[in-house]
Amino acid sequence: MRHFRRAGFYGLALAAVWVVLGWSYDATFHFAPLLVAAVVPLGVALAGEPPPFPRRLAGAAAGAALALAATTALALGGRLDGPSLLPAGGAVAEAVAFSLAGAAVGLVLGLARRRDG
């Protein structure tokens, strides 16, 4: 459980950096939600002994929740008005899609870790 809290702290810190940068600059940080969402499941999977699947899944859900919370804060503040890398939707849709994709990528990469270390 200690590793889960530490990974969550890293995700929270990265989300806070994204929100501060998003609030300070008029730039769109396209891959920030992907990184925020992926760092938690990767941190859970790579720290210490390989955890059971439910804990890895909880890490992916926590990473997605952190990224979506930061997306909500930036969207409500009108700070996600820039261009999007996706062919449809704006920067908010991109941030939501990248948040979910980051959680999935973090989970899959974490699952790729072999059980024997």
N, C-alpha and C. Protein backbone atom coordinates (compact mmCIF):
# COMPACT_ATOMS: atom_id res chain seq x y z
N MET A 1 0.82 -1.19 0.00
CA MET A 1 0.00 0.00 0.00
C MET A 1 0.87 1.26 0.00
N ARG A 2 2.07 1.15 0.57
CA ARG A 2 2.98 2.28 0.61
C ARG A 2 3.35 2.72 -0.80
N HIS A 3 3.56 1.76 -1.68
CA HIS A 3 3.92 2.09 -3.06
C HIS A 3 2.76 2.76 -3.79
N PHE A 4 1.54 2.36 -3.45
CA PHE A 4 0.37 2.98 -4.07
C PHE A 4 0.27 4.45 -3.68
N ARG A 5 0.49 4.74 -2.39
CA ARG A 5 0.45 6.13 -1.94
C ARG A 5 1.56 6.96 -2.57
N ARG A 6 2.74 6.39 -2.67
CA ARG A 6 3.86 7.11 -3.28
C ARG A 6 3.58 7.39 -4.76
N ALA A 7 3.06 6.41 -5.48
CA ALA A 7 2.73 6.62 -6.89
C ALA A 7 1.62 7.65 -7.04
N GLY A 8 0.65 7.62 -6.14
CA GLY A 8 -0.40 8.63 -6.16
C GLY A 8 0.14 10.03 -5.89
N PHE A 9 1.10 10.13 -4.99
CA PHE A 9 1.73 11.41 -4.72
C PHE A 9 2.45 11.94 -5.95
N TYR A 10 3.16 11.06 -6.65
CA TYR A 10 3.85 11.47 -7.88
C TYR A 10 2.85 11.96 -8.92
N GLY A 11 1.75 11.25 -9.06
CA GLY A 11 0.72 11.67 -10.00
C GLY A 11 0.11 13.00 -9.61
N LEU A 12 -0.14 13.19 -8.32
CA LEU A 12 -0.69 14.45 -7.83
C LEU A 12 0.29 15.60 -8.06
N ALA A 13 1.56 15.35 -7.80
CA ALA A 13 2.57 16.39 -8.03
C ALA A 13 2.66 16.76 -9.50
N LEU A 14 2.63 15.77 -10.38
CA LEU A 14 2.70 16.04 -11.81
C LEU A 14 1.44 16.77 -12.29
N ALA A 15 0.29 16.40 -11.75
CA ALA A 15 -0.95 17.10 -12.10
C ALA A 15 -0.90 18.55 -11.63
N ALA A 16 -0.36 18.78 -10.45
CA ALA A 16 -0.24 20.15 -9.94
C ALA A 16 0.69 20.98 -10.82
N VAL A 17 1.78 20.39 -11.26
CA VAL A 17 2.69 21.10 -12.16
C VAL A 17 1.97 21.45 -13.46
N TRP A 18 1.20 20.50 -14.00
CA TRP A 18 0.45 20.76 -15.23
C TRP A 18 -0.55 21.89 -15.04
N VAL A 19 -1.27 21.89 -13.93
CA VAL A 19 -2.27 22.94 -13.69
C VAL A 19 -1.58 24.30 -13.53
N VAL A 20 -0.49 24.35 -12.80
CA VAL A 20 0.23 25.62 -12.63
C VAL A 20 0.77 26.12 -13.95
N LEU A 21 1.37 25.24 -14.73
CA LEU A 21 1.88 25.66 -16.04
C LEU A 21 0.75 26.06 -16.98
N GLY A 22 -0.33 25.29 -16.94
CA GLY A 22 -1.48 25.62 -17.78
C GLY A 22 -2.11 26.95 -17.42
N TRP A 23 -2.06 27.28 -16.15
CA TRP A 23 -2.62 28.55 -15.69
C TRP A 23 -1.67 29.70 -15.98
N SER A 24 -0.37 29.42 -16.04
CA SER A 24 0.64 30.48 -16.18
C SER A 24 0.95 30.83 -17.63
N TYR A 25 0.79 29.89 -18.53
CA TYR A 25 1.18 30.10 -19.91
C TYR A 25 -0.01 29.86 -20.84
N ASP A 26 0.03 30.51 -21.98
CA ASP A 26 -1.03 30.33 -22.97
C ASP A 26 -0.66 29.24 -23.97
N ALA A 27 -0.09 28.18 -23.49
CA ALA A 27 0.30 27.06 -24.34
C ALA A 27 -0.56 25.85 -23.97
N THR A 28 -0.75 24.98 -24.93
CA THR A 28 -1.46 23.74 -24.68
C THR A 28 -0.43 22.64 -24.45
N PHE A 29 -0.46 22.04 -23.30
CA PHE A 29 0.47 20.96 -22.96
C PHE A 29 -0.22 19.64 -23.32
N HIS A 30 -0.10 19.27 -24.60
CA HIS A 30 -0.88 18.16 -25.15
C HIS A 30 -0.69 16.84 -24.42
N PHE A 31 0.54 16.52 -24.05
CA PHE A 31 0.82 15.19 -23.51
C PHE A 31 0.83 15.15 -21.99
N ALA A 32 0.54 16.27 -21.33
CA ALA A 32 0.51 16.29 -19.87
C ALA A 32 -0.53 15.33 -19.29
N PRO A 33 -1.76 15.28 -19.83
CA PRO A 33 -2.73 14.33 -19.23
C PRO A 33 -2.29 12.88 -19.41
N LEU A 34 -1.63 12.58 -20.51
CA LEU A 34 -1.13 11.22 -20.73
C LEU A 34 -0.09 10.87 -19.68
N LEU A 35 0.82 11.79 -19.40
CA LEU A 35 1.86 11.54 -18.40
C LEU A 35 1.29 11.43 -16.99
N VAL A 36 0.37 12.32 -16.66
CA VAL A 36 -0.23 12.29 -15.33
C VAL A 36 -0.95 10.97 -15.11
N ALA A 37 -1.71 10.54 -16.09
CA ALA A 37 -2.49 9.30 -15.95
C ALA A 37 -1.61 8.07 -15.95
N ALA A 38 -0.48 8.10 -16.64
CA ALA A 38 0.37 6.91 -16.75
C ALA A 38 1.32 6.75 -15.57
N VAL A 39 1.68 7.84 -14.89
CA VAL A 39 2.69 7.73 -13.85
C VAL A 39 2.20 6.93 -12.65
N VAL A 40 0.92 6.99 -12.33
CA VAL A 40 0.43 6.27 -11.15
C VAL A 40 0.44 4.75 -11.37
N PRO A 41 -0.14 4.22 -12.44
CA PRO A 41 -0.08 2.76 -12.59
C PRO A 41 1.35 2.24 -12.80
N LEU A 42 2.18 3.04 -13.44
CA LEU A 42 3.58 2.62 -13.60
C LEU A 42 4.29 2.63 -12.26
N GLY A 43 4.04 3.64 -11.45
CA GLY A 43 4.65 3.68 -10.13
C GLY A 43 4.20 2.54 -9.24
N VAL A 44 2.95 2.18 -9.35
CA VAL A 44 2.44 1.05 -8.56
C VAL A 44 3.08 -0.25 -9.03
N ALA A 45 3.18 -0.43 -10.33
CA ALA A 45 3.67 -1.70 -10.87
C ALA A 45 5.18 -1.88 -10.72
N LEU A 46 5.93 -0.79 -10.75
CA LEU A 46 7.38 -0.92 -10.78
C LEU A 46 8.06 -0.78 -9.43
N ALA A 47 7.34 -0.41 -8.40
CA ALA A 47 7.94 -0.23 -7.08
C ALA A 47 7.80 -1.52 -6.28
N GLY A 48 8.90 -2.02 -5.80
CA GLY A 48 8.85 -3.21 -4.94
C GLY A 48 8.44 -4.46 -5.69
N GLU A 49 7.81 -5.34 -4.95
CA GLU A 49 7.31 -6.59 -5.53
C GLU A 49 6.16 -6.29 -6.49
N PRO A 50 6.03 -7.09 -7.55
CA PRO A 50 4.90 -6.89 -8.46
C PRO A 50 3.58 -7.05 -7.71
N PRO A 51 2.72 -6.03 -7.75
CA PRO A 51 1.46 -6.10 -7.01
C PRO A 51 0.43 -6.95 -7.75
N PRO A 52 -0.63 -7.35 -7.05
CA PRO A 52 -1.70 -8.10 -7.73
C PRO A 52 -2.45 -7.19 -8.71
N PHE A 53 -3.15 -7.84 -9.62
CA PHE A 53 -3.85 -7.09 -10.68
C PHE A 53 -4.83 -6.05 -10.14
N PRO A 54 -5.62 -6.34 -9.10
CA PRO A 54 -6.55 -5.31 -8.63
C PRO A 54 -5.84 -4.02 -8.18
N ARG A 55 -4.68 -4.15 -7.58
CA ARG A 55 -3.95 -2.95 -7.16
C ARG A 55 -3.42 -2.20 -8.38
N ARG A 56 -3.00 -2.92 -9.40
CA ARG A 56 -2.56 -2.27 -10.64
C ARG A 56 -3.73 -1.55 -11.31
N LEU A 57 -4.87 -2.19 -11.32
CA LEU A 57 -6.07 -1.58 -11.90
C LEU A 57 -6.49 -0.34 -11.10
N ALA A 58 -6.37 -0.41 -9.79
CA ALA A 58 -6.67 0.76 -8.96
C ALA A 58 -5.70 1.89 -9.25
N GLY A 59 -4.45 1.58 -9.52
CA GLY A 59 -3.48 2.60 -9.90
C GLY A 59 -3.85 3.28 -11.20
N ALA A 60 -4.31 2.51 -12.17
CA ALA A 60 -4.74 3.09 -13.45
C ALA A 60 -5.97 3.97 -13.24
N ALA A 61 -6.90 3.53 -12.41
CA ALA A 61 -8.09 4.34 -12.14
C ALA A 61 -7.72 5.63 -11.41
N ALA A 62 -6.79 5.54 -10.47
CA ALA A 62 -6.35 6.74 -9.74
C ALA A 62 -5.63 7.71 -10.67
N GLY A 63 -4.81 7.19 -11.57
CA GLY A 63 -4.12 8.06 -12.53
C GLY A 63 -5.10 8.76 -13.46
N ALA A 64 -6.09 8.02 -13.93
CA ALA A 64 -7.10 8.63 -14.79
C ALA A 64 -7.89 9.68 -14.03
N ALA A 65 -8.23 9.39 -12.77
CA ALA A 65 -8.99 10.35 -11.97
C ALA A 65 -8.19 11.63 -11.73
N LEU A 66 -6.90 11.51 -11.45
CA LEU A 66 -6.07 12.70 -11.26
C LEU A 66 -5.99 13.53 -12.53
N ALA A 67 -5.77 12.86 -13.66
CA ALA A 67 -5.66 13.58 -14.93
C ALA A 67 -6.99 14.24 -15.29
N LEU A 68 -8.09 13.55 -15.05
CA LEU A 68 -9.40 14.13 -15.35
C LEU A 68 -9.74 15.28 -14.41
N ALA A 69 -9.30 15.19 -13.16
CA ALA A 69 -9.52 16.30 -12.22
C ALA A 69 -8.73 17.53 -12.65
N ALA A 70 -7.49 17.34 -13.08
CA ALA A 70 -6.70 18.47 -13.57
C ALA A 70 -7.31 19.03 -14.85
N THR A 71 -7.80 18.16 -15.72
CA THR A 71 -8.48 18.61 -16.94
C THR A 71 -9.70 19.44 -16.60
N THR A 72 -10.47 19.00 -15.62
CA THR A 72 -11.66 19.74 -15.21
C THR A 72 -11.29 21.12 -14.67
N ALA A 73 -10.25 21.17 -13.84
CA ALA A 73 -9.83 22.46 -13.28
C ALA A 73 -9.39 23.42 -14.37
N LEU A 74 -8.63 22.93 -15.32
CA LEU A 74 -8.16 23.80 -16.40
C LEU A 74 -9.31 24.18 -17.34
N ALA A 75 -10.21 23.25 -17.60
CA ALA A 75 -11.33 23.55 -18.50
C ALA A 75 -12.28 24.56 -17.87
N LEU A 76 -12.58 24.40 -16.59
CA LEU A 76 -13.47 25.35 -15.93
C LEU A 76 -12.85 26.74 -15.82
N GLY A 77 -11.53 26.78 -15.77
CA GLY A 77 -10.83 28.06 -15.73
C GLY A 77 -10.60 28.67 -17.10
N GLY A 78 -11.06 27.99 -18.14
CA GLY A 78 -10.89 28.50 -19.50
C GLY A 78 -9.46 28.43 -20.00
N ARG A 79 -8.68 27.49 -19.45
CA ARG A 79 -7.27 27.38 -19.82
C ARG A 79 -7.00 26.28 -20.84
N LEU A 80 -8.03 25.62 -21.34
CA LEU A 80 -7.85 24.58 -22.36
C LEU A 80 -8.54 25.02 -23.65
N ASP A 81 -8.20 26.18 -24.11
CA ASP A 81 -8.83 26.72 -25.31
C ASP A 81 -7.96 26.60 -26.55
N GLY A 82 -6.81 25.97 -26.43
CA GLY A 82 -5.87 25.90 -27.54
C GLY A 82 -6.25 24.86 -28.58
N PRO A 83 -5.35 24.63 -29.52
CA PRO A 83 -5.61 23.64 -30.57
C PRO A 83 -5.53 22.22 -30.03
N SER A 84 -6.04 21.31 -30.83
CA SER A 84 -6.04 19.90 -30.45
C SER A 84 -5.25 19.10 -31.47
N LEU A 85 -4.63 18.02 -31.01
CA LEU A 85 -3.94 17.12 -31.93
C LEU A 85 -4.89 16.11 -32.56
N LEU A 86 -6.08 15.99 -32.01
CA LEU A 86 -7.07 15.05 -32.55
C LEU A 86 -7.83 15.68 -33.70
N PRO A 87 -8.29 14.89 -34.65
CA PRO A 87 -9.00 15.46 -35.80
C PRO A 87 -10.37 16.03 -35.45
N ALA A 88 -10.96 15.59 -34.37
CA ALA A 88 -12.28 16.10 -33.97
C ALA A 88 -12.24 16.46 -32.50
N GLY A 89 -13.03 17.45 -32.13
CA GLY A 89 -13.08 17.87 -30.74
C GLY A 89 -12.00 18.90 -30.45
N GLY A 90 -12.13 19.55 -29.34
CA GLY A 90 -11.18 20.58 -28.94
C GLY A 90 -10.15 20.04 -27.97
N ALA A 91 -9.50 20.97 -27.29
CA ALA A 91 -8.44 20.60 -26.36
C ALA A 91 -8.98 19.84 -25.14
N VAL A 92 -10.20 20.12 -24.75
CA VAL A 92 -10.79 19.40 -23.61
C VAL A 92 -11.02 17.93 -23.99
N ALA A 93 -11.56 17.69 -25.17
CA ALA A 93 -11.77 16.31 -25.63
C ALA A 93 -10.44 15.59 -25.76
N GLU A 94 -9.43 16.31 -26.24
CA GLU A 94 -8.10 15.72 -26.35
C GLU A 94 -7.56 15.34 -24.97
N ALA A 95 -7.72 16.23 -23.99
CA ALA A 95 -7.22 15.95 -22.65
C ALA A 95 -7.93 14.76 -22.03
N VAL A 96 -9.22 14.64 -22.24
CA VAL A 96 -9.97 13.48 -21.73
C VAL A 96 -9.49 12.20 -22.41
N ALA A 97 -9.35 12.24 -23.72
CA ALA A 97 -8.89 11.05 -24.45
C ALA A 97 -7.48 10.66 -24.03
N PHE A 98 -6.59 11.65 -23.88
CA PHE A 98 -5.21 11.36 -23.49
C PHE A 98 -5.14 10.89 -22.04
N SER A 99 -6.05 11.35 -21.18
CA SER A 99 -6.09 10.88 -19.80
C SER A 99 -6.43 9.39 -19.76
N LEU A 100 -7.44 9.00 -20.50
CA LEU A 100 -7.85 7.60 -20.52
C LEU A 100 -6.80 6.73 -21.20
N ALA A 101 -6.21 7.26 -22.28
CA ALA A 101 -5.15 6.52 -22.97
C ALA A 101 -3.93 6.36 -22.07
N GLY A 102 -3.58 7.39 -21.32
CA GLY A 102 -2.42 7.31 -20.43
C GLY A 102 -2.62 6.27 -19.34
N ALA A 103 -3.83 6.21 -18.78
CA ALA A 103 -4.11 5.19 -17.77
C ALA A 103 -4.00 3.79 -18.37
N ALA A 104 -4.50 3.62 -19.59
CA ALA A 104 -4.43 2.31 -20.25
C ALA A 104 -2.99 1.94 -20.57
N VAL A 105 -2.22 2.89 -21.07
CA VAL A 105 -0.82 2.63 -21.40
C VAL A 105 -0.03 2.29 -20.13
N GLY A 106 -0.26 3.05 -19.06
CA GLY A 106 0.42 2.77 -17.80
C GLY A 106 0.07 1.40 -17.26
N LEU A 107 -1.19 1.01 -17.38
CA LEU A 107 -1.61 -0.31 -16.92
C LEU A 107 -0.95 -1.41 -17.75
N VAL A 108 -0.97 -1.27 -19.06
CA VAL A 108 -0.40 -2.30 -19.93
C VAL A 108 1.11 -2.42 -19.72
N LEU A 109 1.80 -1.27 -19.63
CA LEU A 109 3.25 -1.33 -19.39
C LEU A 109 3.55 -1.91 -18.02
N GLY A 110 2.72 -1.59 -17.05
CA GLY A 110 2.91 -2.17 -15.72
C GLY A 110 2.64 -3.67 -15.71
N LEU A 111 1.68 -4.11 -16.49
CA LEU A 111 1.39 -5.55 -16.56
C LEU A 111 2.50 -6.30 -17.30
N ALA A 112 3.22 -5.60 -18.15
CA ALA A 112 4.30 -6.25 -18.89
C ALA A 112 5.47 -6.63 -18.00
N ARG A 113 5.49 -6.08 -16.80
CA ARG A 113 6.57 -6.45 -15.87
C ARG A 113 6.43 -7.90 -15.50
N ARG A 114 7.51 -8.62 -15.59
CA ARG A 114 7.47 -10.03 -15.29
C ARG A 114 7.28 -10.27 -13.80
N ARG A 115 6.65 -11.33 -13.45
CA ARG A 115 6.36 -11.65 -12.05
C ARG A 115 7.62 -11.95 -11.25
N ASP A 116 8.66 -12.44 -11.90
CA ASP A 116 9.87 -12.82 -11.15
C ASP A 116 10.84 -11.66 -11.00
N GLY A 117 10.42 -10.44 -11.32
CA GLY A 117 11.23 -9.25 -11.10
C GLY A 117 12.09 -8.96 -12.26
